[in-house]
Protein backbone atom coordinates (compact mmCIF):
# COMPACT_ATOMS: atom_id res chain seq x y z
CA MET A 1 63.91 70.89 76.78
CA ASN A 2 60.69 71.86 75.12
CA SER A 3 59.52 72.15 71.52
CA TYR A 4 61.61 74.23 69.11
CA SER A 5 64.41 74.77 71.65
CA SER A 6 68.11 74.33 70.90
CA ILE A 7 71.53 74.33 72.54
CA THR A 8 74.45 75.12 70.23
CA VAL A 9 77.86 74.43 71.77
CA LYS A 10 81.25 75.40 70.34
CA ASN A 11 83.04 75.58 73.68
CA ASN A 12 81.29 75.10 77.05
CA VAL A 13 77.66 74.98 78.21
CA GLN A 14 76.84 73.65 81.68
CA ILE A 15 73.24 72.98 82.74
CA GLY A 16 72.35 71.93 86.28
CA TYR A 17 69.74 69.51 87.60
CA ASN A 18 65.97 70.07 87.42
CA VAL A 19 66.19 72.81 84.79
CA MET A 20 63.07 73.43 82.69
CA PHE A 21 63.04 75.15 79.30
CA GLY A 22 59.90 76.65 77.81
CA GLU A 23 59.28 76.44 74.10
CA ASN A 24 61.61 78.19 71.67
CA VAL A 25 64.50 78.69 74.12
CA HIS A 26 67.94 78.97 72.49
CA VAL A 27 71.35 78.68 74.15
CA TYR A 28 74.60 79.72 72.42
CA ASP A 29 78.09 79.83 73.94
CA HIS A 30 79.44 81.85 71.02
CA ASN A 31 78.72 84.85 68.86
CA HIS A 32 80.05 86.10 65.53
CA ILE A 33 82.88 88.61 65.59
CA PHE A 34 82.07 91.66 63.50
CA THR A 35 84.81 94.23 64.05
CA ASN A 36 86.00 94.61 60.45
CA LYS A 37 83.21 96.35 58.53
CA THR A 38 84.87 95.56 55.18
CA MET A 39 84.91 91.78 55.68
CA PRO A 40 81.84 89.51 55.83
CA PHE A 41 81.11 88.52 59.43
CA SER A 42 81.01 84.87 58.34
CA ARG A 43 84.81 85.07 57.80
CA GLN A 44 85.67 86.84 61.07
CA GLY A 45 85.31 83.87 63.41
CA TYR A 46 83.57 83.52 66.75
CA LYS A 47 83.87 84.90 70.25
CA LEU A 48 83.51 81.99 72.72
CA LYS A 49 82.19 82.43 76.27
CA LYS A 50 81.00 79.80 78.73
CA VAL A 51 77.31 79.49 79.62
CA SER A 52 76.31 78.21 83.06
CA ILE A 53 72.76 77.48 84.26
CA GLY A 54 72.40 76.38 87.88
CA ASP A 55 70.10 73.81 89.48
CA ASN A 56 66.30 74.19 89.77
CA CYS A 57 65.89 76.90 87.14
CA TRP A 58 62.96 77.65 84.86
CA ILE A 59 63.77 79.37 81.57
CA GLY A 60 60.69 80.97 79.99
CA THR A 61 59.45 80.66 76.43
CA GLY A 62 61.36 82.58 73.77
CA THR A 63 64.41 83.29 75.91
CA VAL A 64 67.86 83.49 74.29
CA ILE A 65 70.87 82.69 76.48
CA LEU A 66 74.18 83.93 75.06
CA GLY A 67 77.85 83.35 75.84
CA GLY A 68 78.85 84.84 79.18
CA ALA A 69 75.51 84.07 80.86
CA GLN A 70 75.79 82.73 84.40
CA ILE A 71 72.40 81.86 85.84
CA GLY A 72 72.53 80.89 89.51
CA ASN A 73 70.58 78.18 91.31
CA ASN A 74 66.81 78.44 91.86
CA CYS A 75 66.23 81.15 89.25
CA VAL A 76 63.26 81.96 87.05
CA VAL A 77 63.89 83.73 83.75
CA GLY A 78 60.68 85.12 82.27
CA ALA A 79 59.60 84.81 78.67
CA ASN A 80 61.45 86.56 75.83
CA CYS A 81 64.53 87.62 77.79
CA ILE A 82 68.02 87.92 76.32
CA ILE A 83 70.56 86.83 78.92
CA ASP A 84 74.32 87.41 78.60
CA PHE A 85 75.11 88.43 82.18
CA HIS A 86 75.33 87.04 85.73
CA ILE A 87 72.09 86.32 87.58
CA PRO A 88 72.55 85.59 91.31
CA ASP A 89 71.01 82.57 93.05
CA ASN A 90 67.30 82.77 93.95
CA SER A 91 66.49 85.50 91.42
CA ILE A 92 63.58 86.24 89.10
CA VAL A 93 64.37 88.04 85.84
CA LYS A 94 61.61 89.32 83.60
CA ASN A 95 61.39 91.43 80.49
CA ASN A 96 59.34 94.51 81.28
CA SER A 97 59.36 95.99 77.82
CA GLU A 98 57.03 98.91 77.86
CA LEU A 99 54.42 98.82 75.14
CA ARG A 100 54.10 102.25 73.59
CA ILE A 101 51.28 103.27 71.30
CA GLU A 102 51.51 106.61 69.55
CA LYS A 103 48.97 108.43 67.43
CA ILE A 104 49.61 109.16 63.78
CA ASN A 105 48.21 112.38 62.36
CA PHE A 106 48.09 112.21 58.59
CA LYS A 107 47.47 115.62 57.03
């Protein structure tokens, strides 16, 4: 674990051996339910899903790992990713958000 990182467990989080977390990595095995738009989400409970991180993984700075994430062995997750899906063994995942700059024409 690195600075400003957290793991919040309501059900099941499994982390393998030799796993490194960059700064500001957050792991949650739950998420708020928000299906009733007339009731505050704080009163609707949680959806619980297991999180699994395999052996020899490196989780980059700013990554958020959510319930349902299954990260295989020997994986690298790049900075600022949001993971809630299965990543096979020996994979590299990175966030290739395209930076777009547009002109503004004030008249």
